[in-house]
N, C-alpha and C. Protein backbone atom coordinates (compact mmCIF):
# COMPACT_ATOMS: atom_id res chain seq x y z
N MET A 1 143.38 -133.68 27.23
CA MET A 1 143.96 -133.12 28.83
C MET A 1 144.54 -131.50 29.03
N THR A 2 144.31 -131.21 29.97
CA THR A 2 144.99 -130.03 29.84
C THR A 2 146.63 -129.57 30.29
N SER A 3 147.33 -128.86 29.30
CA SER A 3 148.27 -128.87 29.94
C SER A 3 148.57 -128.20 31.40
N PRO A 4 149.32 -128.07 32.19
CA PRO A 4 150.04 -127.24 33.65
C PRO A 4 150.24 -126.07 32.79
N ARG A 5 150.89 -125.88 31.85
CA ARG A 5 151.00 -124.42 31.54
C ARG A 5 149.58 -123.16 30.95
N THR A 6 148.63 -124.51 30.83
CA THR A 6 147.68 -123.71 30.20
C THR A 6 146.11 -123.84 31.10
N ALA A 7 146.52 -124.54 32.32
CA ALA A 7 145.61 -124.77 33.34
C ALA A 7 145.15 -123.59 33.47
N ALA A 8 143.03 -123.57 33.66
CA ALA A 8 142.69 -122.68 34.24
C ALA A 8 143.21 -122.49 36.06
N ALA A 9 143.68 -120.71 35.67
CA ALA A 9 143.82 -120.86 37.24
C ALA A 9 142.25 -119.86 37.93
N HIS A 10 142.57 -119.54 38.91
CA HIS A 10 141.47 -118.25 39.89
C HIS A 10 140.67 -117.48 38.66
N PRO A 11 139.95 -116.94 38.38
CA PRO A 11 139.94 -115.60 37.44
C PRO A 11 140.46 -114.73 38.62
N LEU A 12 140.18 -114.37 39.33
CA LEU A 12 141.74 -113.33 39.50
C LEU A 12 143.29 -113.56 40.17
N ALA A 13 143.60 -114.58 39.71
CA ALA A 13 145.11 -115.09 39.62
C ALA A 13 145.72 -114.24 38.88
N PRO A 14 145.57 -113.71 37.82
CA PRO A 14 146.21 -112.95 36.87
C PRO A 14 146.67 -111.38 36.95
N LEU A 15 145.37 -110.83 37.79
CA LEU A 15 144.95 -109.71 38.17
C LEU A 15 146.15 -109.79 39.33
N ALA A 16 145.66 -110.72 40.47
CA ALA A 16 146.76 -110.38 41.46
C ALA A 16 148.58 -110.46 41.28
N LEU A 17 148.50 -111.13 40.68
CA LEU A 17 150.12 -111.31 40.02
C LEU A 17 150.45 -110.51 39.07
N ALA A 18 149.90 -109.46 38.70
CA ALA A 18 150.15 -108.31 37.51
C ALA A 18 150.05 -107.15 38.57
N ALA A 19 149.55 -107.37 39.71
CA ALA A 19 149.52 -106.22 41.21
C ALA A 19 151.12 -106.65 41.27
N LEU A 20 150.91 -107.82 42.24
CA LEU A 20 152.21 -107.89 42.81
C LEU A 20 153.65 -107.94 41.83
N GLY A 21 153.65 -108.08 40.73
CA GLY A 21 154.51 -107.65 40.28
C GLY A 21 155.07 -106.44 39.62
N GLY A 22 153.96 -105.26 39.82
CA GLY A 22 154.06 -104.38 39.31
C GLY A 22 154.70 -103.47 40.31
N LEU A 23 154.04 -104.10 41.40
CA LEU A 23 154.82 -103.56 42.80
C LEU A 23 156.84 -103.94 42.76
N ALA A 24 156.89 -104.82 42.28
CA ALA A 24 158.78 -105.16 41.79
C ALA A 24 159.23 -104.11 41.00
N GLY A 25 158.27 -104.29 39.91
CA GLY A 25 158.56 -103.50 38.63
C GLY A 25 159.03 -102.29 39.28
N ALA A 26 158.05 -101.10 39.77
CA ALA A 26 157.72 -99.95 39.97
C ALA A 26 159.05 -99.92 41.22
N LEU A 27 159.85 -100.39 42.03
CA LEU A 27 160.41 -100.11 43.25
C LEU A 27 161.88 -100.73 42.10
N LEU A 28 161.73 -101.45 41.21
CA LEU A 28 163.25 -101.88 40.35
C LEU A 28 163.75 -100.53 39.31
N ARG A 29 162.55 -99.93 39.09
CA ARG A 29 162.53 -98.81 38.34
C ARG A 29 163.05 -97.65 38.98
N GLN A 30 162.49 -97.43 40.17
CA GLN A 30 162.83 -96.44 41.08
C GLN A 30 164.26 -96.16 41.70
N GLY A 31 164.58 -97.38 41.61
CA GLY A 31 166.13 -97.96 41.98
C GLY A 31 167.30 -97.51 41.17
N GLN A 32 166.75 -98.37 39.99
CA GLN A 32 167.38 -97.75 38.90
C GLN A 32 167.72 -96.70 38.30
N GLY A 33 166.71 -95.66 38.16
CA GLY A 33 166.57 -94.68 38.27
C GLY A 33 167.18 -93.34 39.33
N ALA A 34 166.99 -94.11 40.39
CA ALA A 34 168.03 -92.80 41.52
C ALA A 34 169.12 -93.66 40.99
N LEU A 35 170.02 -94.43 40.78
CA LEU A 35 171.22 -95.04 41.00
C LEU A 35 171.54 -94.22 39.55
N VAL A 36 171.04 -94.53 38.50
CA VAL A 36 171.41 -94.18 37.25
C VAL A 36 171.72 -92.23 37.52
N GLY A 37 170.31 -91.82 37.91
CA GLY A 37 170.13 -90.40 37.93
C GLY A 37 171.28 -89.74 38.73
N ALA A 38 171.64 -90.72 39.91
CA ALA A 38 172.88 -89.65 40.74
C ALA A 38 174.30 -90.29 40.37
N ALA A 39 174.53 -91.18 39.06
CA ALA A 39 175.98 -91.06 38.84
C ALA A 39 175.60 -89.92 37.51
N THR A 40 174.57 -89.63 37.10
CA THR A 40 174.83 -88.46 35.64
C THR A 40 174.80 -86.83 36.35
N THR A 41 174.94 -86.38 35.00
CA THR A 41 174.41 -84.92 35.34
C THR A 41 174.02 -84.33 33.96
N GLY A 42 173.44 -83.36 34.48
CA GLY A 42 172.51 -82.64 32.78
C GLY A 42 171.27 -82.83 32.65
N VAL A 43 170.51 -82.38 31.57
CA VAL A 43 169.48 -82.36 31.53
C VAL A 43 168.82 -84.01 30.83
N PHE A 44 169.78 -84.36 30.07
CA PHE A 44 169.58 -85.63 30.02
C PHE A 44 168.91 -86.56 30.34
N PRO A 45 167.66 -87.79 30.16
CA PRO A 45 167.17 -88.30 31.33
C PRO A 45 167.57 -89.59 31.08
N TRP A 46 168.78 -90.27 31.46
CA TRP A 46 169.11 -91.04 31.44
C TRP A 46 168.56 -92.07 32.37
N GLY A 47 168.09 -91.93 33.52
CA GLY A 47 167.96 -93.59 33.96
C GLY A 47 166.11 -93.46 33.22
N THR A 48 165.29 -92.85 32.80
CA THR A 48 164.79 -93.52 32.10
C THR A 48 164.65 -94.40 31.06
N LEU A 49 165.88 -94.11 30.31
CA LEU A 49 166.22 -94.22 28.95
C LEU A 49 167.07 -95.85 29.37
N SER A 50 168.14 -95.88 30.73
CA SER A 50 168.46 -97.01 30.67
C SER A 50 167.19 -98.35 30.83
N VAL A 51 166.37 -97.64 31.82
CA VAL A 51 165.02 -98.59 32.07
C VAL A 51 164.44 -98.97 31.08
N ASN A 52 164.25 -98.55 29.86
CA ASN A 52 163.20 -98.89 28.43
C ASN A 52 163.97 -99.76 27.95
N VAL A 53 165.34 -99.85 27.79
CA VAL A 53 165.92 -100.33 26.80
C VAL A 53 166.31 -101.73 27.45
N LEU A 54 167.19 -101.50 29.04
CA LEU A 54 167.08 -102.56 29.59
C LEU A 54 165.70 -104.13 29.41
N GLY A 55 164.68 -102.84 30.21
CA GLY A 55 162.92 -103.69 29.93
C GLY A 55 162.97 -104.01 28.26
N SER A 56 163.13 -103.70 27.44
CA SER A 56 162.92 -104.22 25.95
C SER A 56 163.57 -105.49 25.74
N LEU A 57 164.82 -104.90 26.38
CA LEU A 57 165.82 -106.54 25.88
C LEU A 57 165.59 -107.54 26.91
N VAL A 58 165.33 -107.36 28.33
CA VAL A 58 164.81 -108.39 29.22
C VAL A 58 163.17 -108.98 29.10
N LEU A 59 162.17 -108.35 28.34
CA LEU A 59 160.99 -108.88 27.83
C LEU A 59 161.03 -109.42 26.74
N ALA A 60 161.56 -109.32 25.89
CA ALA A 60 161.74 -110.11 24.36
C ALA A 60 162.30 -110.88 24.84
N ALA A 61 163.61 -111.25 25.33
CA ALA A 61 164.08 -112.70 25.93
C ALA A 61 163.03 -113.39 26.43
N LEU A 62 162.12 -112.66 27.52
CA LEU A 62 161.09 -113.98 27.89
C LEU A 62 160.47 -114.37 27.08
N LEU A 63 159.37 -113.12 26.20
CA LEU A 63 158.87 -113.61 25.42
C LEU A 63 158.88 -114.34 24.78
N ALA A 64 160.16 -114.37 23.95
CA ALA A 64 160.87 -115.16 22.47
C ALA A 64 161.13 -116.82 23.05
N ARG A 65 160.98 -116.93 24.66
CA ARG A 65 161.35 -118.61 25.22
C ARG A 65 160.55 -119.01 26.01
N TRP A 66 160.37 -117.99 26.94
CA TRP A 66 159.60 -118.35 28.21
C TRP A 66 158.15 -118.54 27.95
N LEU A 67 157.68 -117.25 27.42
CA LEU A 67 155.98 -116.62 27.49
C LEU A 67 155.56 -116.69 26.58
N ALA A 68 155.91 -117.09 25.56
CA ALA A 68 155.06 -117.54 24.37
C ALA A 68 153.80 -117.47 24.62
N PRO A 69 152.67 -116.24 23.65
CA PRO A 69 151.28 -116.52 23.71
C PRO A 69 150.57 -117.88 24.14
N GLY A 70 149.35 -117.67 25.15
CA GLY A 70 149.00 -118.77 25.08
C GLY A 70 149.82 -119.59 26.42
N GLU A 71 150.69 -119.92 26.32
CA GLU A 71 151.47 -120.95 27.36
C GLU A 71 151.97 -119.58 28.43
N ARG A 72 151.83 -120.12 30.01
CA ARG A 72 152.07 -119.66 30.98
C ARG A 72 151.35 -118.48 31.58
N PRO A 73 150.53 -118.46 31.38
CA PRO A 73 149.25 -117.16 31.50
C PRO A 73 149.78 -116.73 32.67
N LEU A 74 149.93 -117.02 33.87
CA LEU A 74 149.82 -116.51 34.95
C LEU A 74 151.50 -115.80 35.09
N ALA A 75 152.41 -116.24 34.54
CA ALA A 75 153.84 -115.91 34.76
C ALA A 75 153.56 -115.06 33.52
N ARG A 76 152.72 -115.27 32.56
CA ARG A 76 152.81 -114.09 31.72
C ARG A 76 152.32 -112.88 32.28
N ALA A 77 151.17 -113.29 33.18
CA ALA A 77 150.49 -111.63 34.10
C ALA A 77 151.48 -111.02 34.96
N GLY A 78 152.20 -112.04 35.37
CA GLY A 78 153.30 -111.24 36.65
C GLY A 78 154.46 -110.76 35.94
N LEU A 79 154.78 -111.30 35.19
CA LEU A 79 156.49 -110.81 34.66
C LEU A 79 156.16 -109.84 33.58
N GLY A 80 155.44 -110.33 32.74
CA GLY A 80 155.06 -109.44 31.27
C GLY A 80 154.79 -108.44 31.94
N ALA A 81 153.41 -108.30 32.46
CA ALA A 81 152.23 -107.20 32.24
C ALA A 81 152.90 -106.57 33.64
N GLY A 82 152.86 -107.41 34.73
CA GLY A 82 153.86 -107.01 35.90
C GLY A 82 154.65 -106.24 36.37
N VAL A 83 155.38 -107.28 35.96
CA VAL A 83 157.05 -106.58 36.60
C VAL A 83 157.97 -105.41 35.15
N LEU A 84 157.54 -106.39 34.32
CA LEU A 84 158.33 -105.37 33.03
C LEU A 84 157.36 -104.28 32.81
N GLY A 85 156.16 -104.54 32.63
CA GLY A 85 155.17 -103.58 32.31
C GLY A 85 155.15 -102.25 33.01
N THR A 86 155.53 -102.07 34.33
CA THR A 86 155.85 -101.08 35.56
C THR A 86 157.49 -100.89 35.36
N TYR A 87 157.82 -101.60 35.54
CA TYR A 87 159.64 -101.53 35.27
C TYR A 87 159.45 -99.91 34.08
N THR A 88 159.34 -100.68 32.75
CA THR A 88 159.45 -99.40 31.60
C THR A 88 158.54 -99.16 31.97
N THR A 89 158.62 -97.78 30.99
CA THR A 89 157.70 -96.50 31.41
C THR A 89 157.44 -95.47 29.99
N PHE A 90 156.54 -95.80 29.37
CA PHE A 90 156.31 -94.92 28.20
C PHE A 90 155.91 -93.56 28.56
N SER A 91 155.40 -93.09 28.90
CA SER A 91 154.45 -92.13 30.12
C SER A 91 155.31 -91.49 30.42
N ALA A 92 156.81 -91.57 31.31
CA ALA A 92 157.43 -90.92 31.44
C ALA A 92 158.77 -90.69 30.33
N PHE A 93 158.86 -91.20 29.62
CA PHE A 93 159.56 -91.16 28.13
C PHE A 93 159.03 -89.92 27.51
N GLN A 94 157.70 -89.61 27.51
CA GLN A 94 156.65 -88.99 26.84
C GLN A 94 157.00 -87.64 27.40
N ARG A 95 156.59 -87.35 29.22
CA ARG A 95 156.51 -86.40 29.54
C ARG A 95 158.25 -85.92 29.82
N GLU A 96 159.16 -86.76 29.38
CA GLU A 96 160.46 -85.83 29.64
C GLU A 96 160.90 -85.26 28.11
N VAL A 97 160.73 -85.96 27.45
CA VAL A 97 160.55 -85.49 25.59
C VAL A 97 160.01 -83.89 25.74
N LEU A 98 159.26 -83.78 26.56
CA LEU A 98 158.06 -82.33 26.60
C LEU A 98 159.24 -81.39 27.48
N ASP A 99 159.38 -81.90 28.54
CA ASP A 99 160.03 -81.43 29.26
C ASP A 99 161.15 -80.24 28.91
N LEU A 100 162.33 -81.69 27.68
CA LEU A 100 163.21 -81.10 27.06
C LEU A 100 163.05 -79.79 26.39
N LEU A 101 162.02 -80.10 25.61
CA LEU A 101 161.30 -79.46 24.56
C LEU A 101 161.16 -78.26 24.91
N HIS A 102 160.34 -77.89 26.75
CA HIS A 102 159.74 -76.66 27.04
C HIS A 102 161.25 -75.96 27.59
N GLY A 103 162.21 -76.77 28.06
CA GLY A 103 163.37 -76.03 28.83
C GLY A 103 163.79 -75.73 27.70
N GLY A 104 164.24 -75.57 26.33
CA GLY A 104 164.81 -75.14 25.57
C GLY A 104 165.54 -75.94 25.01
N HIS A 105 165.43 -77.38 25.17
CA HIS A 105 167.04 -78.19 24.80
C HIS A 105 166.41 -79.51 23.88
N ALA A 106 166.26 -78.63 22.63
CA ALA A 106 165.29 -79.51 21.52
C ALA A 106 166.12 -80.62 21.08
N ALA A 107 167.40 -80.64 20.94
CA ALA A 107 168.27 -81.34 20.51
C ALA A 107 168.36 -82.72 21.46
N ALA A 108 168.55 -82.03 22.82
CA ALA A 108 168.97 -83.47 23.62
C ALA A 108 167.17 -84.20 23.65
N ALA A 109 166.25 -83.59 23.07
CA ALA A 109 164.84 -83.81 22.78
C ALA A 109 165.05 -85.21 21.53
N LEU A 110 165.22 -84.56 20.66
CA LEU A 110 165.37 -85.33 19.55
C LEU A 110 166.22 -86.42 19.76
N ALA A 111 167.46 -85.99 20.63
CA ALA A 111 168.37 -87.67 20.66
C ALA A 111 167.47 -88.38 21.73
N TYR A 112 166.91 -87.97 22.73
CA TYR A 112 166.51 -89.20 23.59
C TYR A 112 165.30 -89.25 22.94
N ALA A 113 164.51 -88.67 21.98
CA ALA A 113 163.44 -89.36 21.57
C ALA A 113 164.37 -90.67 20.38
N GLY A 114 165.10 -90.49 19.63
CA GLY A 114 165.84 -91.04 18.86
C GLY A 114 166.17 -92.45 19.31
N LEU A 115 167.52 -92.23 20.61
CA LEU A 115 168.34 -93.13 21.37
C LEU A 115 166.70 -94.16 21.70
N SER A 116 165.84 -93.83 22.59
CA SER A 116 165.01 -94.56 23.30
C SER A 116 164.21 -95.40 22.23
N VAL A 117 163.99 -95.24 21.19
CA VAL A 117 163.18 -96.04 19.83
C VAL A 117 164.39 -96.79 19.53
N GLY A 118 165.44 -96.15 19.42
CA GLY A 118 166.48 -97.00 18.67
C GLY A 118 167.03 -98.53 19.33
N LEU A 119 167.46 -97.65 20.51
CA LEU A 119 167.96 -98.95 21.64
C LEU A 119 166.76 -99.61 21.96
N GLY A 120 165.42 -99.19 22.17
CA GLY A 120 164.35 -99.78 22.62
C GLY A 120 164.79 -101.28 21.43
N LEU A 121 164.41 -100.71 20.14
CA LEU A 121 164.05 -101.88 19.70
C LEU A 121 165.65 -102.57 19.31
N LEU A 122 166.65 -101.91 19.23
CA LEU A 122 168.00 -102.98 19.53
C LEU A 122 167.88 -103.91 21.10
N GLY A 123 167.01 -103.64 21.49
CA GLY A 123 167.10 -104.53 22.86
C GLY A 123 166.20 -105.50 22.98
N ALA A 124 165.54 -105.05 22.20
CA ALA A 124 164.26 -105.85 22.04
C ALA A 124 164.57 -107.15 20.85
N ALA A 125 165.29 -106.82 19.93
CA ALA A 125 165.97 -107.81 18.87
C ALA A 125 167.27 -108.86 19.77
N ALA A 126 167.75 -107.72 20.44
CA ALA A 126 169.22 -108.70 20.98
C ALA A 126 168.17 -109.62 21.91
N GLY A 127 167.13 -109.30 23.28
CA GLY A 127 166.90 -110.64 23.52
C GLY A 127 165.86 -111.46 22.96
N ALA A 128 164.99 -111.20 21.58
CA ALA A 128 164.52 -112.10 20.96
C ALA A 128 165.84 -113.07 20.49
N ARG A 129 166.85 -112.59 20.12
CA ARG A 129 167.88 -113.23 19.41
C ARG A 129 168.63 -114.40 20.78
N LEU A 130 168.02 -113.59 21.81
CA LEU A 130 168.83 -114.73 22.73
C LEU A 130 168.31 -116.40 22.65
N ARG A 131 166.85 -116.10 22.44
CA ARG A 131 166.09 -117.59 21.99
C ARG A 131 166.98 -118.40 21.25
N ALA A 132 167.55 -117.86 20.09
CA ALA A 132 168.54 -118.98 19.56
C ALA A 132 169.79 -119.53 20.16
N LEU A 133 170.16 -118.46 20.93
CA LEU A 133 170.88 -118.86 21.56
C LEU A 133 171.36 -119.90 22.80
N GLY A 134 170.08 -119.78 24.06
CA GLY A 134 169.52 -120.38 24.69
C GLY A 134 168.50 -121.82 24.79
N ARG A 135 168.62 -121.79 22.97
CA ARG A 135 167.63 -123.08 23.12
C ARG A 135 167.31 -124.33 23.89
N HIS A 136 168.40 -124.51 24.14
CA HIS A 136 168.67 -125.57 25.02
C HIS A 136 168.79 -125.44 26.21
N ALA A 137 169.59 -124.69 26.78
CA ALA A 137 170.70 -123.96 27.78
C ALA A 137 169.21 -122.71 28.52
N ARG A 138 168.36 -122.80 28.58
CA ARG A 138 166.91 -121.74 28.93
C ARG A 138 167.66 -120.39 29.30
N GLY A 139 168.65 -120.06 27.86
CA GLY A 139 169.44 -118.69 28.27
C GLY A 139 168.27 -117.89 28.68
N PRO A 140 167.47 -117.04 27.71
CA PRO A 140 166.52 -115.58 28.45
C PRO A 140 166.41 -115.82 29.73
N LEU A 141 165.93 -116.79 30.21
CA LEU A 141 165.36 -117.13 31.29
C LEU A 141 166.59 -116.72 32.41
N VAL A 142 167.45 -117.58 32.04
CA VAL A 142 168.83 -117.14 32.86
C VAL A 142 169.45 -115.58 32.75
N VAL A 143 169.28 -115.03 31.34
CA VAL A 143 169.50 -113.69 31.74
C VAL A 143 168.89 -112.63 32.17
N GLY A 144 167.61 -113.34 31.97
CA GLY A 144 166.30 -112.10 32.32
C GLY A 144 165.78 -112.92 33.97
N ALA A 145 166.45 -113.42 34.40
CA ALA A 145 166.00 -113.64 36.05
C ALA A 145 167.27 -112.79 36.68
N ALA A 146 168.34 -113.10 36.46
CA ALA A 146 169.91 -112.29 36.70
C ALA A 146 169.87 -110.94 36.20
N THR A 147 169.17 -110.49 35.26
CA THR A 147 169.07 -109.13 35.17
C THR A 147 168.23 -108.30 36.67
N LEU A 148 166.79 -109.50 36.83
CA LEU A 148 166.30 -108.37 37.68
C LEU A 148 167.05 -109.00 39.28
N VAL A 149 167.29 -109.94 39.33
CA VAL A 149 168.24 -109.89 40.59
C VAL A 149 169.01 -108.50 40.47
N VAL A 150 170.21 -108.92 39.62
CA VAL A 150 171.36 -107.14 39.55
C VAL A 150 169.66 -105.84 40.15
N ALA A 151 169.22 -105.87 39.43
CA ALA A 151 168.02 -104.77 39.52
C ALA A 151 167.56 -104.64 40.66
N ALA A 152 167.01 -105.45 41.72
CA ALA A 152 166.95 -105.79 42.75
C ALA A 152 168.14 -104.95 43.61
N LEU A 153 168.90 -105.73 43.71
CA LEU A 153 170.11 -105.63 44.29
C LEU A 153 170.38 -103.64 44.74
N VAL A 154 170.23 -103.20 43.20
CA VAL A 154 170.79 -102.09 42.82
C VAL A 154 169.91 -101.15 43.61
N ALA A 155 168.56 -101.42 43.57
CA ALA A 155 167.13 -101.07 43.83
C ALA A 155 167.59 -100.65 45.18
N ALA A 156 167.76 -102.15 46.33
CA ALA A 156 167.56 -101.90 47.50
C ALA A 156 169.03 -101.20 47.93
N GLY A 157 170.39 -100.59 47.31
CA GLY A 157 170.92 -99.89 47.52
C GLY A 157 170.60 -98.75 47.42
N CYS A 158 169.63 -98.33 46.60
CA CYS A 158 169.03 -96.86 46.30
C CYS A 158 168.04 -96.80 47.13
N GLY A 159 167.82 -97.32 48.15
CA GLY A 159 166.81 -97.32 49.15
C GLY A 159 166.82 -96.17 50.45
N ARG A 160 168.31 -95.17 50.24
CA ARG A 160 168.77 -94.27 51.44
C ARG A 160 168.03 -92.79 50.62
N PRO A 161 167.72 -91.92 51.99
CA PRO A 161 166.79 -90.79 50.95
C PRO A 161 167.68 -90.19 50.69
N ALA A 162 168.16 -89.04 49.53
CA ALA A 162 168.75 -88.33 49.45
C ALA A 162 169.00 -86.81 50.46
N ARG A 163 169.74 -86.46 50.66
CA ARG A 163 170.43 -85.26 51.54
C ARG A 163 170.04 -83.88 50.99
N ARG A 164 169.52 -83.32 51.74
CA ARG A 164 169.17 -82.01 51.50
C ARG A 164 170.04 -81.07 51.85
N ARG A 165 170.82 -79.70 51.61
CA ARG A 165 171.51 -79.12 51.95
C ARG A 165 171.06 -77.61 52.31
N ARG A 166 171.25 -77.57 53.47
CA ARG A 166 170.31 -76.53 53.95
C ARG A 166 171.55 -75.07 53.76
N ALA A 167 170.23 -74.10 52.85
CA ALA A 167 170.87 -72.92 52.64
C ALA A 167 171.48 -72.31 53.77
N ARG A 168 172.43 -71.81 53.82
CA ARG A 168 173.40 -71.04 54.65
C ARG A 168 172.93 -69.56 55.39
N ARG A 169 172.69 -68.80 55.82
CA ARG A 169 172.33 -67.66 56.16
C ARG A 169 174.07 -66.96 56.38
N SER A 170 174.36 -66.04 56.00
CA SER A 170 175.53 -65.48 56.55
C SER A 170 175.11 -64.83 57.37
N PRO A 171 176.38 -64.21 58.49
CA PRO A 171 176.25 -64.17 59.80
C PRO A 171 175.73 -62.79 59.84
N SER A 172 176.30 -62.16 58.94
CA SER A 172 175.57 -60.67 58.68
C SER A 172 174.29 -60.54 58.32
N ALA A 173 173.64 -61.23 57.88
CA ALA A 173 171.98 -61.00 57.75
C ALA A 173 171.47 -60.85 59.37
N ALA A 174 170.23 -59.74 58.94
CA ALA A 174 170.00 -59.44 59.92
C ALA A 174 168.63 -60.33 60.24
N PRO A 175 168.31 -60.88 61.23
CA PRO A 175 167.22 -61.68 61.65
C PRO A 175 165.68 -61.31 60.63
N ARG A 176 165.24 -62.37 60.07
CA ARG A 176 163.81 -61.86 59.67
C ARG A 176 162.86 -61.56 60.62
N ALA A 177 162.27 -60.44 60.11
CA ALA A 177 161.06 -60.00 61.02
C ALA A 177 159.59 -60.96 60.25
N ARG A 178 159.19 -60.81 61.86
CA ARG A 178 157.54 -61.64 61.57
C ARG A 178 156.64 -60.74 60.35
N PRO A 179 155.79 -61.52 59.79
CA PRO A 179 154.82 -60.26 59.01
C PRO A 179 153.94 -59.91 60.31
N ALA A 180 152.81 -58.98 60.25
CA ALA A 180 151.93 -58.33 60.92
C ALA A 180 151.19 -59.26 61.90
N ALA A 181 150.31 -60.12 60.93
CA ALA A 181 149.38 -60.97 61.33
C ALA A 181 149.96 -62.09 62.26
N THR A 182 151.31 -62.13 61.64
CA THR A 182 152.03 -63.24 63.05
C THR A 182 152.37 -63.29 64.09
N ARG A 183 152.69 -61.43 64.50
CA ARG A 183 153.39 -61.20 65.65
C ARG A 183 152.39 -61.53 66.94
N ARG A 184 153.38 -61.53 67.65
CA ARG A 184 152.52 -61.71 68.81
C ARG A 184 151.99 -60.46 69.53
N SER A 185 150.72 -59.79 70.48
CA SER A 185 150.24 -58.69 71.07
C SER A 185 151.01 -59.03 72.18
N PRO A 186 151.76 -57.80 73.04
CA PRO A 186 151.90 -57.46 74.55
C PRO A 186 151.09 -58.07 75.51
């Protein structure tokens, strides 16, 4: 008899759930990145670092307890590959390391790379450890769900577009002349 956890589904169901989860993960990532970016200054990419560390913790917690290999393939596709796969971002990490290096910030690039890998591994270990703590109480599922709810609320609060400052022209500045090609002839 086939378990409901491993029951065969429509062949496109995992793809559809990964796509929907990917949409949610991308929105969460953008919202958290914007919130952290607005709260910090400097060249250090705190937003991506926070996303990747939190994502490592939540994914490890879910995989250790609820999304074990071979079980719940649809939830694994939607939450694992979809939500958390797009929420975390290795490509942005690589680009930001290169941006720091090209901008002459070698120490910040090295610190960012070290913190990303080190804290990501610590987050994953902590997430996996939640399995032992929540064996009977479904702890990782609760932690993962609560984290995603908080991140969704944060993302919803970050939906306002940034205000751009207009450059002020000094009152004594002369009006700009149009180039000859755009002047109207009499």
